[in-house]
Amino acid sequence: MENTQTQEKKLYSSVFILYLNYFIHGIGCSILGQQVIKESLAMQWNSSVDSVTMIAAALGLGRLITLPFSGPISDKLGRRICSLIGVASYAIFFIGLAFSPNVQVAYIVAILGGVANSFLDTGVIPACVEILAPKSGLATMLTKLFISAAQLLLPITLGLFATNNISYSTFMIGCAVALVVIGLLVTRIKLPETKVEKGEKAPGLMENIKHTKFTKESLALIAIGFTCTATFQLWLNCAQTFGTEVAGMRDAGQMQVWYSAGTIVAIILTSILVNKIKEVRFLFLYPLISLAMLVAVLMIKTPAICMIGSFVIGYSAAGGVLQLATATVNDLFPKIKGTITSIIMIASSLSNYTILTAAGKIGATSGPEAVMMMNIVITAIGVLLALLVNMRFSKLEEAAREN
């Protein structure tokens, strides 16, 4: 009994170390959306602010390239290997971003950031789900908690760096150093490693998909990975520009603080509520709240509504919808957790790449209001998809039993 308790304590400490990766990821996935960083990098690359949004889209491209095989690698070779690849790739991303001389180099570096994201998603999330089982919803929500904590502190930290005349490159190098330390810890922690049978070939993504039965409802659930990502990525990367150019905000960076605060509140409340309410219900309610808020921001166009909108979007769009969708599909396809995580993250990455690329072009030609309108349309589609999933949830449960 004492031995078992010691092992459990080691596993719980392992979970904390794994989640530290998501703290740094919180910085990595939102740093290019900060107006001060956009202006600094645009000057560094002798380019425009809108080009930085297109560089952020390359994060999604990197995820798209690697997610088809990062999931099966995780299922076959273990969560540790995937996590370490993610750590190494993210360290290169931060160093590369700090020293990139132009947009072309930055684009390649951002692709590596996406590679890091995909390997962390398919390494860390399944590992934490396995350790904290059966609380899969809580396990995925905690990843968002660490992301949000970092996003809350990011604008405050950048403000301190600016006040003390410290370059933003120094901050990025510090993130890379932190990742090296976390990587060393990951090599030593106890994890529920996947056993590799001698001579057995690891099944690929397409092979796993071929032997898995998907219903229309489960496909709609995966599509929510696309729409919910678009909602918060468009806000995260473009709302500060809207606040500055349309709403007349002097310090749009404060929007990030309210956004992160909303996300943290959502994570705390939702983590409690998922024990009483089915996770799938939030997939409809939260996007509906986001939709109403986006419409209000576009119509009212004041600094106050931008602040309120940041908190509400942080709560309803970035407060765990993607994580809850991931937890739901993991429960529906328990035999291929790594692979199914890859599938929904591919949908998320496709959204990140295509939507932010489009936003960069639309913003340059039609302005930030057009980008906000695009966000409203995509969020509305997500609401309709979630409505279908909720109305026919029994079909999803039936598919889970067959799988």
Protein backbone atom coordinates (compact mmCIF):
# COMPACT_ATOMS: atom_id res chain seq x y z
CA MET A 1 0.00 0.00 0.00
CA GLU A 2 2.83 2.38 0.95
CA ASN A 3 4.58 1.55 -2.32
CA THR A 4 1.44 2.32 -4.33
CA GLN A 5 0.97 5.67 -2.56
CA THR A 6 4.59 6.63 -3.27
CA GLN A 7 4.14 5.78 -6.96
CA GLU A 8 0.95 7.84 -7.12
CA LYS A 9 2.73 10.85 -5.55
CA LYS A 10 5.51 10.53 -8.15
CA LEU A 11 2.95 10.43 -10.95
CA TYR A 12 1.17 13.52 -9.61
CA SER A 13 4.47 15.41 -9.47
CA SER A 14 5.06 14.24 -13.05
CA VAL A 15 1.74 15.78 -14.06
CA PHE A 16 2.80 19.15 -12.63
CA ILE A 17 6.09 19.09 -14.53
CA LEU A 18 4.32 18.15 -17.75
CA TYR A 19 1.86 21.02 -17.28
CA LEU A 20 4.78 23.47 -16.97
CA ASN A 21 5.25 22.91 -20.72
CA TYR A 22 1.82 24.41 -21.21
CA PHE A 23 2.78 27.49 -19.20
CA ILE A 24 5.50 28.23 -21.74
CA HIS A 25 3.13 27.23 -24.53
CA GLY A 26 0.73 29.88 -23.25
CA ILE A 27 3.42 32.45 -24.00
CA GLY A 28 4.33 30.88 -27.34
CA CYS A 29 0.80 30.76 -28.74
CA SER A 30 -0.09 34.34 -27.77
CA ILE A 31 3.14 36.33 -27.98
CA LEU A 32 2.61 37.12 -31.68
CA GLY A 33 -0.81 38.54 -30.85
CA GLN A 34 0.56 41.22 -28.52
CA GLN A 35 0.41 44.64 -30.17
CA VAL A 36 3.80 45.71 -28.72
CA ILE A 37 5.41 42.50 -29.99
CA LYS A 38 3.75 42.91 -33.39
CA GLU A 39 5.15 46.43 -33.71
CA SER A 40 8.60 45.35 -32.48
CA LEU A 41 8.84 42.37 -34.82
CA ALA A 42 7.43 44.33 -37.77
CA MET A 43 10.29 46.81 -37.24
CA GLN A 44 12.80 43.95 -36.84
CA TRP A 45 11.64 42.39 -40.12
CA ASN A 46 11.08 45.70 -41.92
CA SER A 47 7.51 44.61 -42.54
CA SER A 48 3.90 45.41 -41.55
CA VAL A 49 1.91 44.51 -38.41
CA ASP A 50 -0.48 42.38 -40.51
CA SER A 51 2.47 40.23 -41.65
CA VAL A 52 2.99 39.20 -38.02
CA THR A 53 -0.55 37.77 -37.97
CA MET A 54 0.36 35.70 -41.04
CA ILE A 55 3.49 34.46 -39.26
CA ALA A 56 1.26 33.38 -36.36
CA ALA A 57 -0.69 31.31 -38.90
CA ALA A 58 2.47 29.29 -39.55
CA LEU A 59 2.10 27.83 -36.06
CA GLY A 60 -1.00 26.08 -37.39
CA LEU A 61 0.89 24.89 -40.47
CA GLY A 62 3.58 23.31 -38.27
CA ARG A 63 0.90 21.46 -36.32
CA LEU A 64 -0.76 20.29 -39.52
CA ILE A 65 2.48 18.84 -40.83
CA THR A 66 3.27 16.82 -37.70
CA LEU A 67 -0.07 15.86 -36.12
CA PRO A 68 -0.73 12.98 -38.57
CA PHE A 69 2.19 11.05 -37.09
CA SER A 70 2.80 12.61 -33.66
CA GLY A 71 -0.32 10.87 -32.26
CA PRO A 72 0.60 7.36 -33.43
CA ILE A 73 4.19 7.95 -32.23
CA SER A 74 2.79 8.84 -28.81
CA ASP A 75 0.58 5.73 -28.72
CA LYS A 76 3.45 3.47 -29.75
CA LEU A 77 6.71 4.92 -28.45
CA GLY A 78 5.45 6.69 -25.36
CA ARG A 79 4.39 10.07 -24.06
CA ARG A 80 7.89 11.04 -22.86
CA ILE A 81 9.43 11.03 -26.35
CA CYS A 82 6.64 13.21 -27.75
CA SER A 83 6.95 15.65 -24.86
CA LEU A 84 10.72 15.99 -25.30
CA ILE A 85 10.40 16.62 -29.04
CA GLY A 86 7.87 19.33 -28.18
CA VAL A 87 10.20 20.93 -25.63
CA ALA A 88 13.18 20.98 -28.04
CA SER A 89 11.12 22.42 -30.90
CA TYR A 90 9.67 25.17 -28.71
CA ALA A 91 13.13 26.17 -27.47
CA ILE A 92 14.28 26.58 -31.10
CA PHE A 93 11.10 28.59 -31.82
CA PHE A 94 11.82 31.16 -29.11
CA ILE A 95 15.51 31.50 -30.01
CA GLY A 96 14.66 31.75 -33.71
CA LEU A 97 11.98 34.38 -33.10
CA ALA A 98 14.40 36.49 -31.07
CA PHE A 99 17.02 36.55 -33.83
CA SER A 100 15.00 36.15 -37.05
CA PRO A 101 16.17 38.83 -39.54
CA ASN A 102 13.14 38.74 -41.83
CA VAL A 103 9.65 37.38 -42.41
CA GLN A 104 10.89 34.32 -44.33
CA VAL A 105 13.09 33.06 -41.50
CA ALA A 106 10.37 33.87 -38.95
CA TYR A 107 7.86 31.81 -40.95
CA ILE A 108 10.11 28.72 -40.76
CA VAL A 109 10.69 29.31 -37.05
CA ALA A 110 6.94 29.60 -36.48
CA ILE A 111 6.40 26.27 -38.23
CA LEU A 112 8.75 24.74 -35.62
CA GLY A 113 6.57 26.32 -32.93
CA GLY A 114 3.62 24.46 -34.43
CA VAL A 115 5.63 21.23 -34.44
CA ALA A 116 6.27 21.76 -30.72
CA ASN A 117 2.57 22.31 -30.09
CA SER A 118 1.53 19.09 -31.85
CA PHE A 119 4.01 16.92 -29.96
CA LEU A 120 3.06 18.47 -26.63
CA ASP A 121 -0.64 17.93 -27.38
CA THR A 122 -0.17 14.25 -28.24
CA GLY A 123 2.42 13.60 -25.53
CA VAL A 124 1.37 15.63 -22.50
CA ILE A 125 -2.44 15.47 -22.81
CA PRO A 126 -2.75 11.65 -23.14
CA ALA A 127 -0.18 11.18 -20.34
CA CYS A 128 -2.11 13.45 -17.99
CA VAL A 129 -5.44 11.86 -18.98
CA GLU A 130 -3.99 8.44 -18.12
CA ILE A 131 -2.52 9.57 -14.79
CA LEU A 132 -5.64 11.47 -13.68
CA ALA A 133 -8.15 8.91 -15.03
CA PRO A 134 -11.13 8.84 -14.89
CA LYS A 135 -11.14 12.66 -14.69
CA SER A 136 -10.25 13.22 -18.35
CA GLY A 137 -12.15 16.52 -18.46
CA LEU A 138 -10.18 17.88 -15.50
CA ALA A 139 -6.89 16.68 -17.03
CA THR A 140 -7.46 18.61 -20.26
CA MET A 141 -8.86 21.67 -18.48
CA LEU A 142 -5.69 21.95 -16.39
CA THR A 143 -3.63 22.37 -19.58
CA LYS A 144 -5.74 25.43 -20.31
CA LEU A 145 -5.23 26.70 -16.75
CA PHE A 146 -1.45 26.78 -17.21
CA ILE A 147 -1.82 28.39 -20.65
CA SER A 148 -4.12 31.07 -19.23
CA ALA A 149 -1.86 31.80 -16.25
CA ALA A 150 0.97 32.51 -18.68
CA GLN A 151 -1.25 34.66 -20.89
CA LEU A 152 -2.37 36.65 -17.87
CA LEU A 153 1.21 37.40 -16.84
CA LEU A 154 2.52 38.00 -20.38
CA PRO A 155 1.38 41.63 -20.95
CA ILE A 156 2.42 42.54 -17.39
CA THR A 157 5.87 41.03 -17.96
CA LEU A 158 6.26 42.73 -21.34
CA GLY A 159 5.30 46.01 -19.70
CA LEU A 160 8.04 45.56 -17.09
CA PHE A 161 10.58 44.79 -19.81
CA ALA A 162 9.56 47.96 -21.70
CA THR A 163 9.70 50.10 -18.53
CA ASN A 164 13.23 48.88 -17.77
CA ASN A 165 14.39 49.18 -21.41
CA ILE A 166 15.06 45.44 -21.69
CA SER A 167 14.65 44.04 -25.19
CA TYR A 168 11.86 41.58 -25.91
CA SER A 169 14.50 39.26 -27.38
CA THR A 170 15.87 38.76 -23.85
CA PHE A 171 12.43 37.62 -22.73
CA MET A 172 12.25 35.07 -25.57
CA ILE A 173 15.70 33.72 -24.73
CA GLY A 174 14.56 33.34 -21.10
CA CYS A 175 11.61 31.22 -22.28
CA ALA A 176 14.01 28.97 -24.21
CA VAL A 177 16.20 28.50 -21.11
CA ALA A 178 13.12 27.62 -19.03
CA LEU A 179 12.19 24.98 -21.61
CA VAL A 180 15.64 23.38 -21.39
CA VAL A 181 15.19 23.05 -17.61
CA ILE A 182 11.70 21.55 -18.04
CA GLY A 183 13.07 19.14 -20.66
CA LEU A 184 15.73 17.88 -18.24
CA LEU A 185 13.01 17.27 -15.64
CA VAL A 186 10.85 15.40 -18.16
CA THR A 187 13.72 12.95 -18.80
CA ARG A 188 13.69 11.98 -15.10
CA ILE A 189 10.01 11.89 -14.12
CA LYS A 190 7.92 8.76 -13.77
CA LEU A 191 5.37 8.26 -16.57
CA PRO A 192 2.95 5.48 -17.59
CA GLU A 193 5.06 4.60 -20.62
CA THR A 194 3.54 2.73 -23.58
CA LYS A 195 5.03 -0.72 -23.98
CA VAL A 196 6.60 -1.48 -27.35
CA GLU A 197 6.25 -5.04 -28.57
CA LYS A 198 9.41 -6.31 -30.27
CA GLY A 199 9.13 -6.31 -34.05
CA GLU A 200 5.66 -4.79 -33.99
CA LYS A 201 5.04 -1.95 -36.43
CA ALA A 202 3.39 1.20 -35.10
CA PRO A 203 0.04 1.84 -36.83
CA GLY A 204 -0.19 5.14 -38.69
CA LEU A 205 -2.89 7.76 -38.46
CA MET A 206 -4.66 6.62 -41.64
CA GLU A 207 -4.57 2.97 -40.51
CA ASN A 208 -6.15 3.85 -37.18
CA ILE A 209 -8.79 5.99 -38.89
CA LYS A 210 -9.59 3.17 -41.33
CA HIS A 211 -10.45 0.83 -38.47
CA THR A 212 -12.47 3.41 -36.54
CA LYS A 213 -16.18 3.98 -37.08
CA PHE A 214 -17.13 7.66 -37.17
CA THR A 215 -20.70 8.92 -37.02
CA LYS A 216 -21.95 12.27 -38.39
CA GLU A 217 -22.18 13.47 -34.82
CA SER A 218 -18.60 12.54 -33.95
CA LEU A 219 -17.40 14.26 -37.13
CA ALA A 220 -19.35 17.36 -36.11
CA LEU A 221 -17.65 17.18 -32.71
CA ILE A 222 -14.24 17.10 -34.41
CA ALA A 223 -15.29 20.06 -36.61
CA ILE A 224 -15.93 22.03 -33.42
CA GLY A 225 -12.16 21.82 -32.94
CA PHE A 226 -11.93 24.03 -36.04
CA THR A 227 -14.61 26.57 -35.15
CA CYS A 228 -13.77 27.05 -31.47
CA THR A 229 -10.09 27.54 -32.33
CA ALA A 230 -11.00 30.17 -34.91
CA THR A 231 -13.04 32.09 -32.34
CA PHE A 232 -10.28 32.49 -29.77
CA GLN A 233 -7.36 32.69 -32.21
CA LEU A 234 -8.96 35.53 -34.16
CA TRP A 235 -9.63 37.36 -30.91
CA LEU A 236 -6.18 36.63 -29.49
CA ASN A 237 -4.32 37.74 -32.62
CA CYS A 238 -6.57 40.48 -34.04
CA ALA A 239 -8.73 42.00 -31.27
CA GLN A 240 -5.99 44.32 -30.00
CA THR A 241 -5.71 45.80 -33.49
CA PHE A 242 -9.50 46.29 -33.49
CA GLY A 243 -9.29 47.93 -30.07
CA THR A 244 -6.52 50.31 -31.19
CA GLU A 245 -7.74 51.25 -34.68
CA VAL A 246 -11.54 51.03 -34.32
CA ALA A 247 -12.39 51.49 -30.63
CA GLY A 248 -9.66 54.08 -30.00
CA MET A 249 -7.95 52.27 -27.12
CA ARG A 250 -4.67 53.73 -25.85
CA ASP A 251 -3.41 50.54 -24.22
CA ALA A 252 -4.92 47.58 -26.06
CA GLY A 253 -2.49 45.26 -24.26
CA GLN A 254 -4.84 45.37 -21.27
CA MET A 255 -7.31 43.36 -23.34
CA GLN A 256 -4.98 40.38 -22.91
CA VAL A 257 -5.15 40.67 -19.12
CA TRP A 258 -8.97 40.63 -19.12
CA TYR A 259 -8.99 37.81 -21.69
CA SER A 260 -6.73 35.65 -19.54
CA ALA A 261 -8.69 36.48 -16.37
CA GLY A 262 -11.89 35.33 -18.08
CA THR A 263 -10.20 32.13 -19.18
CA ILE A 264 -8.97 31.34 -15.66
CA VAL A 265 -12.42 31.97 -14.16
CA ALA A 266 -13.95 29.67 -16.80
CA ILE A 267 -11.46 26.93 -16.09
CA ILE A 268 -12.12 27.01 -12.34
CA LEU A 269 -15.91 27.09 -12.69
CA THR A 270 -16.06 24.62 -15.57
CA SER A 271 -13.75 22.17 -13.77
CA ILE A 272 -16.32 22.11 -10.95
CA LEU A 273 -19.36 22.03 -13.23
CA VAL A 274 -18.13 19.17 -15.47
CA ASN A 275 -18.58 16.84 -12.51
CA LYS A 276 -22.32 17.64 -12.53
CA ILE A 277 -23.07 18.55 -16.14
CA LYS A 278 -22.09 16.62 -19.26
CA GLU A 279 -19.04 18.12 -20.99
CA VAL A 280 -20.85 18.19 -24.33
CA ARG A 281 -23.40 20.73 -23.01
CA PHE A 282 -20.67 23.37 -22.65
CA LEU A 283 -19.75 22.89 -26.31
CA PHE A 284 -23.04 24.58 -27.22
CA LEU A 285 -23.48 27.09 -24.39
CA TYR A 286 -20.02 28.68 -24.47
CA PRO A 287 -19.85 29.35 -28.24
CA LEU A 288 -23.36 30.83 -28.04
CA ILE A 289 -22.14 33.31 -25.40
CA SER A 290 -19.10 34.10 -27.60
CA LEU A 291 -21.33 34.77 -30.59
CA ALA A 292 -23.49 37.26 -28.67
CA MET A 293 -20.39 39.04 -27.33
CA LEU A 294 -18.69 39.33 -30.73
CA VAL A 295 -21.82 40.92 -32.18
CA ALA A 296 -21.94 43.40 -29.27
CA VAL A 297 -18.27 44.37 -29.74
CA LEU A 298 -18.71 44.95 -33.48
CA MET A 299 -21.84 47.07 -32.97
CA ILE A 300 -20.81 49.19 -29.96
CA LYS A 301 -17.08 49.77 -30.73
CA THR A 302 -15.92 51.38 -27.48
CA PRO A 303 -12.88 50.72 -25.24
CA ALA A 304 -15.21 49.55 -22.45
CA ILE A 305 -16.96 46.94 -24.59
CA CYS A 306 -13.57 45.72 -25.83
CA MET A 307 -12.50 45.13 -22.23
CA ILE A 308 -15.77 43.39 -21.37
CA GLY A 309 -15.56 41.43 -24.60
CA SER A 310 -12.04 40.29 -23.75
CA PHE A 311 -13.18 38.84 -20.44
CA VAL A 312 -16.28 37.19 -21.94
CA ILE A 313 -14.43 35.75 -24.97
CA GLY A 314 -11.67 34.56 -22.65
CA TYR A 315 -14.32 32.83 -20.54
CA SER A 316 -16.50 31.36 -23.25
CA ALA A 317 -14.17 30.78 -26.21
CA ALA A 318 -10.76 30.16 -24.66
CA GLY A 319 -11.97 28.77 -21.34
CA GLY A 320 -11.74 25.12 -22.32
CA VAL A 321 -14.07 24.43 -25.27
CA LEU A 322 -11.25 22.83 -27.28
CA GLN A 323 -10.06 20.90 -24.23
CA LEU A 324 -13.58 19.66 -23.45
CA ALA A 325 -14.05 18.61 -27.07
CA THR A 326 -10.71 16.76 -26.85
CA ALA A 327 -11.74 15.05 -23.60
CA THR A 328 -15.06 14.00 -25.14
CA VAL A 329 -13.46 12.39 -28.20
CA ASN A 330 -10.87 10.69 -25.97
CA ASP A 331 -13.76 9.11 -24.04
CA LEU A 332 -15.50 8.11 -27.28
CA PHE A 333 -12.38 6.48 -28.72
CA PRO A 334 -10.48 5.14 -25.67
CA LYS A 335 -8.26 2.71 -27.63
CA ILE A 336 -6.62 5.40 -29.75
CA LYS A 337 -6.29 8.39 -27.41
CA GLY A 338 -3.13 9.73 -29.05
CA THR A 339 -4.50 9.33 -32.55
CA ILE A 340 -7.92 10.84 -31.81
CA THR A 341 -6.20 13.75 -30.07
CA SER A 342 -4.21 14.19 -33.29
CA ILE A 343 -7.41 14.28 -35.35
CA ILE A 344 -9.14 17.02 -33.36
CA MET A 345 -5.90 18.97 -33.11
CA ILE A 346 -5.51 18.70 -36.89
CA ALA A 347 -8.91 20.39 -37.18
CA SER A 348 -7.69 23.02 -34.69
CA SER A 349 -4.42 23.52 -36.58
CA LEU A 350 -6.17 23.78 -39.93
CA SER A 351 -8.25 26.55 -38.37
CA ASN A 352 -5.19 28.29 -36.96
CA TYR A 353 -3.39 28.25 -40.31
CA THR A 354 -6.21 29.05 -42.72
CA ILE A 355 -8.15 31.52 -40.58
CA LEU A 356 -5.16 33.58 -39.43
CA THR A 357 -3.74 33.63 -42.96
CA ALA A 358 -7.10 34.90 -44.21
CA ALA A 359 -7.32 37.38 -41.32
CA GLY A 360 -3.89 38.82 -42.21
CA LYS A 361 -5.03 39.42 -45.79
CA ILE A 362 -8.51 40.66 -44.90
CA GLY A 363 -7.12 42.96 -42.21
CA ALA A 364 -4.67 44.50 -44.67
CA THR A 365 -7.35 45.15 -47.32
CA SER A 366 -10.66 45.60 -45.47
CA GLY A 367 -9.64 46.47 -41.91
CA PRO A 368 -10.18 44.93 -38.45
CA GLU A 369 -13.98 45.22 -38.60
CA ALA A 370 -14.08 42.73 -41.48
CA VAL A 371 -11.97 40.32 -39.41
CA MET A 372 -14.42 40.66 -36.52
CA MET A 373 -17.30 39.88 -38.91
CA MET A 374 -15.48 36.76 -40.10
CA ASN A 375 -15.16 35.64 -36.48
CA ILE A 376 -18.92 36.07 -35.97
CA VAL A 377 -19.75 33.88 -39.00
CA ILE A 378 -17.38 31.07 -37.98
CA THR A 379 -18.57 31.13 -34.36
CA ALA A 380 -22.19 30.89 -35.55
CA ILE A 381 -21.30 27.76 -37.53
CA GLY A 382 -19.75 26.30 -34.37
CA VAL A 383 -22.97 26.95 -32.46
CA LEU A 384 -24.96 25.02 -35.11
CA LEU A 385 -22.50 22.10 -35.02
CA ALA A 386 -22.71 21.95 -31.22
CA LEU A 387 -26.49 22.00 -31.41
CA LEU A 388 -26.42 18.94 -33.67
CA VAL A 389 -24.00 17.13 -31.34
CA ASN A 390 -26.14 17.85 -28.28
CA MET A 391 -29.38 16.83 -29.95
CA ARG A 392 -27.96 13.47 -31.00
CA PHE A 393 -25.48 12.77 -28.23
CA SER A 394 -26.85 9.28 -27.71
CA LYS A 395 -25.45 8.40 -31.15
CA LEU A 396 -22.00 9.37 -29.96
CA GLU A 397 -22.30 7.17 -26.90
CA GLU A 398 -23.44 4.29 -29.08
CA ALA A 399 -20.41 4.78 -31.34
CA ALA A 400 -18.16 4.74 -28.26
CA ARG A 401 -19.46 1.31 -27.25
CA GLU A 402 -18.84 -0.02 -30.76
CA ASN A 403 -15.28 1.28 -30.71
